[in-house]
Amino acid sequence: MLRFSIHYGLHFVIPLLLLVLLYRSQWKQLYIFFLLAMVIDLDHLLANPIFDPNRCSINFHPLHTYYAAIGYLTLVLPQKTRWLGIGLLWHLLTDQIDCWMQGWSL
């Protein structure tokens, strides 16, 4: 349960808190990009089973690969796509942290 809370806290709560603290005037618009980044989890639908709590998403699902991360990194460069790219990279970082926690007895 603790691992679940950490994982989804990193996906949803931490970005929200950081944006509210650092970007008070536009945090709502920026948070939408973090929420849109969750769309890459649609690639879980290609897996069997769709959800496996002991599976590391990184380099298993197509939109969770290091190659995809390079594409997300390029989205950070243009100002118009910067926040989407940051949201996607944050998503991958959160999933990577979850992979590291798999062996922990939380």
PDB file of N, CA and C in Angstrom:
ATOM      1  N   MET A   1       0.821  -1.199   0.000  1.00  0.00           N
ATOM      2  CA  MET A   1       0.000   0.000   0.000  1.00  0.00           C
ATOM      3  C   MET A   1       0.862   1.260   0.000  1.00  0.00           C
ATOM      4  N   LEU A   2       2.000   1.209   0.710  1.00  0.00           N
ATOM      5  CA  LEU A   2       2.879   2.373   0.752  1.00  0.00           C
ATOM      6  C   LEU A   2       3.486   2.640  -0.625  1.00  0.00           C
ATOM      7  N   ARG A   3       3.900   1.581  -1.308  1.00  0.00           N
ATOM      8  CA  ARG A   3       4.461   1.738  -2.655  1.00  0.00           C
ATOM      9  C   ARG A   3       3.432   2.338  -3.601  1.00  0.00           C
ATOM     10  N   PHE A   4       2.190   1.888  -3.512  1.00  0.00           N
ATOM     11  CA  PHE A   4       1.089   2.420  -4.317  1.00  0.00           C
ATOM     12  C   PHE A   4       0.919   3.910  -4.035  1.00  0.00           C
ATOM     13  N   SER A   5       0.934   4.285  -2.774  1.00  0.00           N
ATOM     14  CA  SER A   5       0.752   5.687  -2.379  1.00  0.00           C
ATOM     15  C   SER A   5       1.901   6.553  -2.881  1.00  0.00           C
ATOM     16  N   ILE A   6       3.118   6.047  -2.771  1.00  0.00           N
ATOM     17  CA  ILE A   6       4.272   6.798  -3.266  1.00  0.00           C
ATOM     18  C   ILE A   6       4.179   6.972  -4.777  1.00  0.00           C
ATOM     19  N   HIS A   7       3.870   5.885  -5.482  1.00  0.00           N
ATOM     20  CA  HIS A   7       3.810   5.932  -6.941  1.00  0.00           C
ATOM     21  C   HIS A   7       2.779   6.953  -7.428  1.00  0.00           C
ATOM     22  N   TYR A   8       1.571   6.852  -6.944  1.00  0.00           N
ATOM     23  CA  TYR A   8       0.520   7.758  -7.426  1.00  0.00           C
ATOM     24  C   TYR A   8       0.645   9.150  -6.822  1.00  0.00           C
ATOM     25  N   GLY A   9       1.279   9.254  -5.660  1.00  0.00           N
ATOM     26  CA  GLY A   9       1.584  10.570  -5.116  1.00  0.00           C
ATOM     27  C   GLY A   9       2.563  11.309  -6.007  1.00  0.00           C
ATOM     28  N   LEU A  10       3.574  10.581  -6.503  1.00  0.00           N
ATOM     29  CA  LEU A  10       4.533  11.183  -7.430  1.00  0.00           C
ATOM     30  C   LEU A  10       3.884  11.542  -8.762  1.00  0.00           C
ATOM     31  N   HIS A  11       2.920  10.758  -9.191  1.00  0.00           N
ATOM     32  CA  HIS A  11       2.235  11.058 -10.454  1.00  0.00           C
ATOM     33  C   HIS A  11       1.337  12.287 -10.343  1.00  0.00           C
ATOM     34  N   PHE A  12       0.603  12.407  -9.240  1.00  0.00           N
ATOM     35  CA  PHE A  12      -0.437  13.426  -9.155  1.00  0.00           C
ATOM     36  C   PHE A  12      -0.204  14.510  -8.105  1.00  0.00           C
ATOM     37  N   VAL A  13       0.199  14.149  -6.896  1.00  0.00           N
ATOM     38  CA  VAL A  13       0.239  15.103  -5.789  1.00  0.00           C
ATOM     39  C   VAL A  13       1.483  15.993  -5.831  1.00  0.00           C
ATOM     40  N   ILE A  14       2.650  15.407  -5.998  1.00  0.00           N
ATOM     41  CA  ILE A  14       3.893  16.190  -5.985  1.00  0.00           C
ATOM     42  C   ILE A  14       3.915  17.226  -7.111  1.00  0.00           C
ATOM     43  N   PRO A  15       3.564  16.858  -8.356  1.00  0.00           N
ATOM     44  CA  PRO A  15       3.525  17.900  -9.391  1.00  0.00           C
ATOM     45  C   PRO A  15       2.537  19.024  -9.048  1.00  0.00           C
ATOM     46  N   LEU A  16       1.399  18.660  -8.503  1.00  0.00           N
ATOM     47  CA  LEU A  16       0.408  19.667  -8.128  1.00  0.00           C
ATOM     48  C   LEU A  16       0.979  20.625  -7.092  1.00  0.00           C
ATOM     49  N   LEU A  17       1.592  20.085  -6.050  1.00  0.00           N
ATOM     50  CA  LEU A  17       2.167  20.934  -4.996  1.00  0.00           C
ATOM     51  C   LEU A  17       3.278  21.832  -5.545  1.00  0.00           C
ATOM     52  N   LEU A  18       4.162  21.260  -6.359  1.00  0.00           N
ATOM     53  CA  LEU A  18       5.258  22.048  -6.923  1.00  0.00           C
ATOM     54  C   LEU A  18       4.734  23.167  -7.821  1.00  0.00           C
ATOM     55  N   LEU A  19       3.756  22.853  -8.643  1.00  0.00           N
ATOM     56  CA  LEU A  19       3.213  23.872  -9.544  1.00  0.00           C
ATOM     57  C   LEU A  19       2.494  24.969  -8.779  1.00  0.00           C
ATOM     58  N   VAL A  20       1.742  24.605  -7.757  1.00  0.00           N
ATOM     59  CA  VAL A  20       1.044  25.612  -6.953  1.00  0.00           C
ATOM     60  C   VAL A  20       2.057  26.526  -6.267  1.00  0.00           C
ATOM     61  N   LEU A  21       3.137  25.949  -5.762  1.00  0.00           N
ATOM     62  CA  LEU A  21       4.147  26.750  -5.067  1.00  0.00           C
ATOM     63  C   LEU A  21       4.982  27.614  -6.011  1.00  0.00           C
ATOM     64  N   LEU A  22       5.341  27.058  -7.167  1.00  0.00           N
ATOM     65  CA  LEU A  22       6.276  27.749  -8.059  1.00  0.00           C
ATOM     66  C   LEU A  22       5.609  28.583  -9.144  1.00  0.00           C
ATOM     67  N   TYR A  23       4.402  28.231  -9.525  1.00  0.00           N
ATOM     68  CA  TYR A  23       3.716  28.917 -10.631  1.00  0.00           C
ATOM     69  C   TYR A  23       2.295  29.274 -10.208  1.00  0.00           C
ATOM     70  N   ARG A  24       2.178  30.109  -9.196  1.00  0.00           N
ATOM     71  CA  ARG A  24       0.878  30.419  -8.602  1.00  0.00           C
ATOM     72  C   ARG A  24      -0.150  30.917  -9.604  1.00  0.00           C
ATOM     73  N   SER A  25       0.265  31.705 -10.563  1.00  0.00           N
ATOM     74  CA  SER A  25      -0.713  32.297 -11.480  1.00  0.00           C
ATOM     75  C   SER A  25      -1.173  31.343 -12.582  1.00  0.00           C
ATOM     76  N   GLN A  26      -0.371  30.335 -12.903  1.00  0.00           N
ATOM     77  CA  GLN A  26      -0.742  29.462 -14.023  1.00  0.00           C
ATOM     78  C   GLN A  26      -0.679  27.979 -13.691  1.00  0.00           C
ATOM     79  N   TRP A  27      -0.715  27.632 -12.416  1.00  0.00           N
ATOM     80  CA  TRP A  27      -0.557  26.240 -12.021  1.00  0.00           C
ATOM     81  C   TRP A  27      -1.643  25.345 -12.614  1.00  0.00           C
ATOM     82  N   LYS A  28      -2.869  25.857 -12.758  1.00  0.00           N
ATOM     83  CA  LYS A  28      -3.960  25.017 -13.281  1.00  0.00           C
ATOM     84  C   LYS A  28      -3.698  24.608 -14.723  1.00  0.00           C
ATOM     85  N   GLN A  29      -3.276  25.547 -15.533  1.00  0.00           N
ATOM     86  CA  GLN A  29      -2.985  25.237 -16.934  1.00  0.00           C
ATOM     87  C   GLN A  29      -1.816  24.258 -17.040  1.00  0.00           C
ATOM     88  N   LEU A  30      -0.783  24.467 -16.233  1.00  0.00           N
ATOM     89  CA  LEU A  30       0.394  23.601 -16.290  1.00  0.00           C
ATOM     90  C   LEU A  30       0.085  22.195 -15.777  1.00  0.00           C
ATOM     91  N   TYR A  31      -0.761  22.102 -14.761  1.00  0.00           N
ATOM     92  CA  TYR A  31      -1.105  20.789 -14.212  1.00  0.00           C
ATOM     93  C   TYR A  31      -1.859  19.947 -15.242  1.00  0.00           C
ATOM     94  N   ILE A  32      -2.589  20.586 -16.112  1.00  0.00           N
ATOM     95  CA  ILE A  32      -3.297  19.866 -17.177  1.00  0.00           C
ATOM     96  C   ILE A  32      -2.295  19.089 -18.037  1.00  0.00           C
ATOM     97  N   PHE A  33      -1.124  19.653 -18.289  1.00  0.00           N
ATOM     98  CA  PHE A  33      -0.109  18.950 -19.079  1.00  0.00           C
ATOM     99  C   PHE A  33       0.382  17.699 -18.346  1.00  0.00           C
ATOM    100  N   PHE A  34       0.509  17.788 -17.023  1.00  0.00           N
ATOM    101  CA  PHE A  34       0.912  16.607 -16.260  1.00  0.00           C
ATOM    102  C   PHE A  34      -0.175  15.532 -16.328  1.00  0.00           C
ATOM    103  N   LEU A  35      -1.415  15.965 -16.291  1.00  0.00           N
ATOM    104  CA  LEU A  35      -2.507  14.995 -16.410  1.00  0.00           C
ATOM    105  C   LEU A  35      -2.558  14.391 -17.809  1.00  0.00           C
ATOM    106  N   LEU A  36      -2.314  15.208 -18.836  1.00  0.00           N
ATOM    107  CA  LEU A  36      -2.290  14.699 -20.215  1.00  0.00           C
ATOM    108  C   LEU A  36      -1.174  13.677 -20.418  1.00  0.00           C
ATOM    109  N   ALA A  37      -0.100  13.817 -19.665  1.00  0.00           N
ATOM    110  CA  ALA A  37       1.019  12.879 -19.785  1.00  0.00           C
ATOM    111  C   ALA A  37       0.614  11.465 -19.378  1.00  0.00           C
ATOM    112  N   MET A  38      -0.468  11.333 -18.652  1.00  0.00           N
ATOM    113  CA  MET A  38      -0.932  10.006 -18.237  1.00  0.00           C
ATOM    114  C   MET A  38      -1.439   9.193 -19.431  1.00  0.00           C
ATOM    115  N   VAL A  39      -1.657   9.852 -20.561  1.00  0.00           N
ATOM    116  CA  VAL A  39      -2.161   9.141 -21.738  1.00  0.00           C
ATOM    117  C   VAL A  39      -1.175   8.073 -22.210  1.00  0.00           C
ATOM    118  N   ILE A  40       0.100   8.205 -21.866  1.00  0.00           N
ATOM    119  CA  ILE A  40       1.050   7.182 -22.310  1.00  0.00           C
ATOM    120  C   ILE A  40       0.786   5.843 -21.628  1.00  0.00           C
ATOM    121  N   ASP A  41      -0.015   5.847 -20.588  1.00  0.00           N
ATOM    122  CA  ASP A  41      -0.366   4.577 -19.949  1.00  0.00           C
ATOM    123  C   ASP A  41      -1.332   3.749 -20.786  1.00  0.00           C
ATOM    124  N   LEU A  42      -1.815   4.298 -21.882  1.00  0.00           N
ATOM    125  CA  LEU A  42      -2.655   3.508 -22.781  1.00  0.00           C
ATOM    126  C   LEU A  42      -1.890   2.325 -23.359  1.00  0.00           C
ATOM    127  N   ASP A  43      -0.558   2.425 -23.389  1.00  0.00           N
ATOM    128  CA  ASP A  43       0.216   1.294 -23.904  1.00  0.00           C
ATOM    129  C   ASP A  43       0.138   0.074 -22.998  1.00  0.00           C
ATOM    130  N   HIS A  44      -0.352   0.247 -21.789  1.00  0.00           N
ATOM    131  CA  HIS A  44      -0.565  -0.900 -20.903  1.00  0.00           C
ATOM    132  C   HIS A  44      -1.633  -1.840 -21.462  1.00  0.00           C
ATOM    133  N   LEU A  45      -2.516  -1.285 -22.293  1.00  0.00           N
ATOM    134  CA  LEU A  45      -3.574  -2.104 -22.890  1.00  0.00           C
ATOM    135  C   LEU A  45      -3.017  -3.153 -23.854  1.00  0.00           C
ATOM    136  N   LEU A  46      -1.782  -2.978 -24.292  1.00  0.00           N
ATOM    137  CA  LEU A  46      -1.148  -3.934 -25.201  1.00  0.00           C
ATOM    138  C   LEU A  46      -0.553  -5.128 -24.463  1.00  0.00           C
ATOM    139  N   ALA A  47      -0.453  -5.032 -23.151  1.00  0.00           N
ATOM    140  CA  ALA A  47       0.194  -6.083 -22.356  1.00  0.00           C
ATOM    141  C   ALA A  47      -0.832  -7.104 -21.871  1.00  0.00           C
ATOM    142  N   ASN A  48      -0.328  -8.287 -21.576  1.00  0.00           N
ATOM    143  CA  ASN A  48      -1.177  -9.336 -21.015  1.00  0.00           C
ATOM    144  C   ASN A  48      -0.440  -9.931 -19.812  1.00  0.00           C
ATOM    145  N   PRO A  49      -0.929  -9.725 -18.609  1.00  0.00           N
ATOM    146  CA  PRO A  49      -2.141  -9.007 -18.239  1.00  0.00           C
ATOM    147  C   PRO A  49      -1.948  -7.493 -18.375  1.00  0.00           C
ATOM    148  N   ILE A  50      -3.038  -6.775 -18.472  1.00  0.00           N
ATOM    149  CA  ILE A  50      -2.968  -5.323 -18.631  1.00  0.00           C
ATOM    150  C   ILE A  50      -2.257  -4.692 -17.440  1.00  0.00           C
ATOM    151  N   PHE A  51      -2.574  -5.141 -16.243  1.00  0.00           N
ATOM    152  CA  PHE A  51      -1.930  -4.610 -15.042  1.00  0.00           C
ATOM    153  C   PHE A  51      -1.243  -5.736 -14.289  1.00  0.00           C
ATOM    154  N   ASP A  52       0.017  -5.542 -14.017  1.00  0.00           N
ATOM    155  CA  ASP A  52       0.790  -6.471 -13.185  1.00  0.00           C
ATOM    156  C   ASP A  52       1.580  -5.621 -12.201  1.00  0.00           C
ATOM    157  N   PRO A  53       1.220  -5.651 -10.929  1.00  0.00           N
ATOM    158  CA  PRO A  53       1.881  -4.776  -9.962  1.00  0.00           C
ATOM    159  C   PRO A  53       3.376  -5.049  -9.797  1.00  0.00           C
ATOM    160  N   ASN A  54       3.833  -6.195 -10.239  1.00  0.00           N
ATOM    161  CA  ASN A  54       5.247  -6.534 -10.111  1.00  0.00           C
ATOM    162  C   ASN A  54       6.027  -6.365 -11.410  1.00  0.00           C
ATOM    163  N   ARG A  55       5.401  -5.766 -12.408  1.00  0.00           N
ATOM    164  CA  ARG A  55       6.083  -5.550 -13.685  1.00  0.00           C
ATOM    165  C   ARG A  55       6.622  -4.125 -13.728  1.00  0.00           C
ATOM    166  N   CYS A  56       7.847  -3.990 -14.183  1.00  0.00           N
ATOM    167  CA  CYS A  56       8.437  -2.673 -14.384  1.00  0.00           C
ATOM    168  C   CYS A  56       7.992  -2.159 -15.748  1.00  0.00           C
ATOM    169  N   SER A  57       7.357  -1.009 -15.761  1.00  0.00           N
ATOM    170  CA  SER A  57       6.861  -0.427 -17.017  1.00  0.00           C
ATOM    171  C   SER A  57       7.991   0.029 -17.930  1.00  0.00           C
ATOM    172  N   ILE A  58       9.097   0.447 -17.339  1.00  0.00           N
ATOM    173  CA  ILE A  58      10.191   1.010 -18.126  1.00  0.00           C
ATOM    174  C   ILE A  58      10.805  -0.071 -19.014  1.00  0.00           C
ATOM    175  N   ASN A  59      10.838   0.220 -20.291  1.00  0.00           N
ATOM    176  CA  ASN A  59      11.339  -0.659 -21.351  1.00  0.00           C
ATOM    177  C   ASN A  59      10.509  -1.924 -21.529  1.00  0.00           C
ATOM    178  N   PHE A  60       9.319  -1.960 -20.960  1.00  0.00           N
ATOM    179  CA  PHE A  60       8.394  -3.057 -21.236  1.00  0.00           C
ATOM    180  C   PHE A  60       7.290  -2.564 -22.168  1.00  0.00           C
ATOM    181  N   HIS A  61       6.698  -1.445 -21.838  1.00  0.00           N
ATOM    182  CA  HIS A  61       5.641  -0.862 -22.668  1.00  0.00           C
ATOM    183  C   HIS A  61       6.272   0.093 -23.682  1.00  0.00           C
ATOM    184  N   PRO A  62       5.743   0.148 -24.909  1.00  0.00           N
ATOM    185  CA  PRO A  62       6.376   0.940 -25.968  1.00  0.00           C
ATOM    186  C   PRO A  62       6.521   2.434 -25.662  1.00  0.00           C
ATOM    187  N   LEU A  63       5.569   3.028 -24.983  1.00  0.00           N
ATOM    188  CA  LEU A  63       5.658   4.459 -24.682  1.00  0.00           C
ATOM    189  C   LEU A  63       6.425   4.736 -23.387  1.00  0.00           C
ATOM    190  N   HIS A  64       6.990   3.681 -22.802  1.00  0.00           N
ATOM    191  CA  HIS A  64       7.763   3.798 -21.567  1.00  0.00           C
ATOM    192  C   HIS A  64       9.218   3.371 -21.795  1.00  0.00           C
ATOM    193  N   THR A  65       9.719   3.538 -23.006  1.00  0.00           N
ATOM    194  CA  THR A  65      11.088   3.116 -23.325  1.00  0.00           C
ATOM    195  C   THR A  65      12.038   4.303 -23.276  1.00  0.00           C
ATOM    196  N   TYR A  66      13.326   3.993 -23.264  1.00  0.00           N
ATOM    197  CA  TYR A  66      14.327   5.056 -23.320  1.00  0.00           C
ATOM    198  C   TYR A  66      14.258   5.780 -24.661  1.00  0.00           C
ATOM    199  N   TYR A  67      13.881   5.075 -25.717  1.00  0.00           N
ATOM    200  CA  TYR A  67      13.723   5.716 -27.025  1.00  0.00           C
ATOM    201  C   TYR A  67      12.583   6.732 -26.984  1.00  0.00           C
ATOM    202  N   ALA A  68      11.503   6.363 -26.338  1.00  0.00           N
ATOM    203  CA  ALA A  68      10.380   7.297 -26.186  1.00  0.00           C
ATOM    204  C   ALA A  68      10.827   8.497 -25.350  1.00  0.00           C
ATOM    205  N   ALA A  69      11.653   8.264 -24.344  1.00  0.00           N
ATOM    206  CA  ALA A  69      12.138   9.350 -23.489  1.00  0.00           C
ATOM    207  C   ALA A  69      12.917  10.380 -24.306  1.00  0.00           C
ATOM    208  N   ILE A  70      13.653   9.906 -25.296  1.00  0.00           N
ATOM    209  CA  ILE A  70      14.378  10.832 -26.172  1.00  0.00           C
ATOM    210  C   ILE A  70      13.380  11.710 -26.922  1.00  0.00           C
ATOM    211  N   GLY A  71      12.306  11.101 -27.398  1.00  0.00           N
ATOM    212  CA  GLY A  71      11.260  11.886 -28.059  1.00  0.00           C
ATOM    213  C   GLY A  71      10.621  12.881 -27.115  1.00  0.00           C
ATOM    214  N   TYR A  72      10.367  12.464 -25.876  1.00  0.00           N
ATOM    215  CA  TYR A  72       9.769  13.369 -24.892  1.00  0.00           C
ATOM    216  C   TYR A  72      10.731  14.506 -24.565  1.00  0.00           C
ATOM    217  N   LEU A  73      12.024  14.188 -24.556  1.00  0.00           N
ATOM    218  CA  LEU A  73      13.028  15.211 -24.291  1.00  0.00           C
ATOM    219  C   LEU A  73      13.020  16.277 -25.389  1.00  0.00           C
ATOM    220  N   THR A  74      12.791  15.857 -26.623  1.00  0.00           N
ATOM    221  CA  THR A  74      12.740  16.839 -27.709  1.00  0.00           C
ATOM    222  C   THR A  74      11.511  17.751 -27.577  1.00  0.00           C
ATOM    223  N   LEU A  75      10.466  17.260 -26.912  1.00  0.00           N
ATOM    224  CA  LEU A  75       9.287  18.106 -26.688  1.00  0.00           C
ATOM    225  C   LEU A  75       9.572  19.234 -25.703  1.00  0.00           C
ATOM    226  N   VAL A  76      10.605  19.078 -24.906  1.00  0.00           N
ATOM    227  CA  VAL A  76      10.955  20.107 -23.925  1.00  0.00           C
ATOM    228  C   VAL A  76      11.578  21.327 -24.614  1.00  0.00           C
ATOM    229  N   LEU A  77      12.159  21.136 -25.772  1.00  0.00           N
ATOM    230  CA  LEU A  77      12.881  22.223 -26.443  1.00  0.00           C
ATOM    231  C   LEU A  77      11.965  23.349 -26.930  1.00  0.00           C
ATOM    232  N   PRO A  78      10.921  23.082 -27.723  1.00  0.00           N
ATOM    233  CA  PRO A  78      10.038  24.187 -28.128  1.00  0.00           C
ATOM    234  C   PRO A  78       9.164  24.643 -26.953  1.00  0.00           C
ATOM    235  N   GLN A  79       8.989  25.932 -26.840  1.00  0.00           N
ATOM    236  CA  GLN A  79       8.213  26.475 -25.724  1.00  0.00           C
ATOM    237  C   GLN A  79       6.771  25.968 -25.721  1.00  0.00           C
ATOM    238  N   LYS A  80       6.187  25.774 -26.904  1.00  0.00           N
ATOM    239  CA  LYS A  80       4.779  25.353 -26.978  1.00  0.00           C
ATOM    240  C   LYS A  80       4.542  23.949 -26.431  1.00  0.00           C
ATOM    241  N   THR A  81       5.539  23.078 -26.497  1.00  0.00           N
ATOM    242  CA  THR A  81       5.367  21.688 -26.032  1.00  0.00           C
ATOM    243  C   THR A  81       6.171  21.380 -24.773  1.00  0.00           C
ATOM    244  N   ARG A  82       6.827  22.393 -24.230  1.00  0.00           N
ATOM    245  CA  ARG A  82       7.740  22.184 -23.101  1.00  0.00           C
ATOM    246  C   ARG A  82       7.075  21.488 -21.922  1.00  0.00           C
ATOM    247  N   TRP A  83       5.913  21.967 -21.503  1.00  0.00           N
ATOM    248  CA  TRP A  83       5.289  21.406 -20.305  1.00  0.00           C
ATOM    249  C   TRP A  83       4.757  20.002 -20.537  1.00  0.00           C
ATOM    250  N   LEU A  84       4.333  19.701 -21.745  1.00  0.00           N
ATOM    251  CA  LEU A  84       3.934  18.329 -22.047  1.00  0.00           C
ATOM    252  C   LEU A  84       5.148  17.407 -21.959  1.00  0.00           C
ATOM    253  N   GLY A  85       6.275  17.859 -22.533  1.00  0.00           N
ATOM    254  CA  GLY A  85       7.507  17.071 -22.457  1.00  0.00           C
ATOM    255  C   GLY A  85       7.956  16.857 -21.023  1.00  0.00           C
ATOM    256  N   ILE A  86       7.864  17.904 -20.208  1.00  0.00           N
ATOM    257  CA  ILE A  86       8.228  17.776 -18.796  1.00  0.00           C
ATOM    258  C   ILE A  86       7.287  16.791 -18.105  1.00  0.00           C
ATOM    259  N   GLY A  87       6.001  16.865 -18.406  1.00  0.00           N
ATOM    260  CA  GLY A  87       5.037  15.941 -17.816  1.00  0.00           C
ATOM    261  C   GLY A  87       5.318  14.498 -18.200  1.00  0.00           C
ATOM    262  N   LEU A  88       5.655  14.272 -19.454  1.00  0.00           N
ATOM    263  CA  LEU A  88       5.962  12.909 -19.915  1.00  0.00           C
ATOM    264  C   LEU A  88       7.238  12.375 -19.269  1.00  0.00           C
ATOM    265  N   LEU A  89       8.250  13.221 -19.171  1.00  0.00           N
ATOM    266  CA  LEU A  89       9.494  12.796 -18.516  1.00  0.00           C
ATOM    267  C   LEU A  89       9.269  12.557 -17.025  1.00  0.00           C
ATOM    268  N   TRP A  90       8.435  13.378 -16.392  1.00  0.00           N
ATOM    269  CA  TRP A  90       8.104  13.156 -14.979  1.00  0.00           C
ATOM    270  C   TRP A  90       7.396  11.816 -14.813  1.00  0.00           C
ATOM    271  N   HIS A  91       6.512  11.508 -15.757  1.00  0.00           N
ATOM    272  CA  HIS A  91       5.791  10.233 -15.721  1.00  0.00           C
ATOM    273  C   HIS A  91       6.784   9.066 -15.770  1.00  0.00           C
ATOM    274  N   LEU A  92       7.746   9.142 -16.682  1.00  0.00           N
ATOM    275  CA  LEU A  92       8.742   8.072 -16.790  1.00  0.00           C
ATOM    276  C   LEU A  92       9.612   7.994 -15.536  1.00  0.00           C
ATOM    277  N   LEU A  93       9.982   9.144 -14.985  1.00  0.00           N
ATOM    278  CA  LEU A  93      10.777   9.141 -13.759  1.00  0.00           C
ATOM    279  C   LEU A  93       9.998   8.491 -12.616  1.00  0.00           C
ATOM    280  N   THR A  94       8.730   8.821 -12.508  1.00  0.00           N
ATOM    281  CA  THR A  94       7.881   8.228 -11.476  1.00  0.00           C
ATOM    282  C   THR A  94       7.799   6.714 -11.646  1.00  0.00           C
ATOM    283  N   ASP A  95       7.627   6.257 -12.881  1.00  0.00           N
ATOM    284  CA  ASP A  95       7.563   4.816 -13.120  1.00  0.00           C
ATOM    285  C   ASP A  95       8.912   4.144 -12.858  1.00  0.00           C
ATOM    286  N   GLN A  96      10.004   4.847 -13.157  1.00  0.00           N
ATOM    287  CA  GLN A  96      11.332   4.295 -12.867  1.00  0.00           C
ATOM    288  C   GLN A  96      11.527   4.151 -11.369  1.00  0.00           C
ATOM    289  N   ILE A  97      11.108   5.127 -10.599  1.00  0.00           N
ATOM    290  CA  ILE A  97      11.203   5.044  -9.141  1.00  0.00           C
ATOM    291  C   ILE A  97      10.396   3.852  -8.643  1.00  0.00           C
ATOM    292  N   ASP A  98       9.226   3.635  -9.233  1.00  0.00           N
ATOM    293  CA  ASP A  98       8.411   2.483  -8.858  1.00  0.00           C
ATOM    294  C   ASP A  98       9.154   1.177  -9.148  1.00  0.00           C
ATOM    295  N   CYS A  99       9.870   1.123 -10.260  1.00  0.00           N
ATOM    296  CA  CYS A  99      10.664  -0.072 -10.586  1.00  0.00           C
ATOM    297  C   CYS A  99      11.742  -0.302  -9.540  1.00  0.00           C
ATOM    298  N   TRP A 100      12.393   0.766  -9.112  1.00  0.00           N
ATOM    299  CA  TRP A 100      13.423   0.634  -8.089  1.00  0.00           C
ATOM    300  C   TRP A 100      12.840   0.150  -6.773  1.00  0.00           C
ATOM    301  N   MET A 101      11.603   0.515  -6.484  1.00  0.00           N
ATOM    302  CA  MET A 101      10.961   0.133  -5.222  1.00  0.00           C
ATOM    303  C   MET A 101      10.425  -1.288  -5.239  1.00  0.00           C
ATOM    304  N   GLN A 102      10.421  -1.961  -6.375  1.00  0.00           N
ATOM    305  CA  GLN A 102       9.839  -3.301  -6.467  1.00  0.00           C
ATOM    306  C   GLN A 102      10.458  -4.286  -5.487  1.00  0.00           C
ATOM    307  N   GLY A 103      11.722  -4.197  -5.261  1.00  0.00           N
ATOM    308  CA  GLY A 103      12.385  -5.131  -4.372  1.00  0.00           C
ATOM    309  C   GLY A 103      12.263  -4.773  -2.904  1.00  0.00           C
ATOM    310  N   TRP A 104      11.767  -3.585  -2.630  1.00  0.00           N
ATOM    311  CA  TRP A 104      11.641  -3.148  -1.243  1.00  0.00           C
ATOM    312  C   TRP A 104      10.456  -3.802  -0.579  1.00  0.00           C
ATOM    313  N   SER A 105      10.553  -4.042   0.668  1.00  0.00           N
ATOM    314  CA  SER A 105       9.411  -4.596   1.409  1.00  0.00           C
ATOM    315  C   SER A 105       8.688  -3.450   2.113  1.00  0.00           C
ATOM    316  N   LEU A 106       7.866  -2.759   1.345  1.00  0.00           N
ATOM    317  CA  LEU A 106       7.105  -1.617   1.880  1.00  0.00           C
ATOM    318  C   LEU A 106       5.711  -2.034   2.243  1.00  0.00           C
TER     319      LEU A 106
END
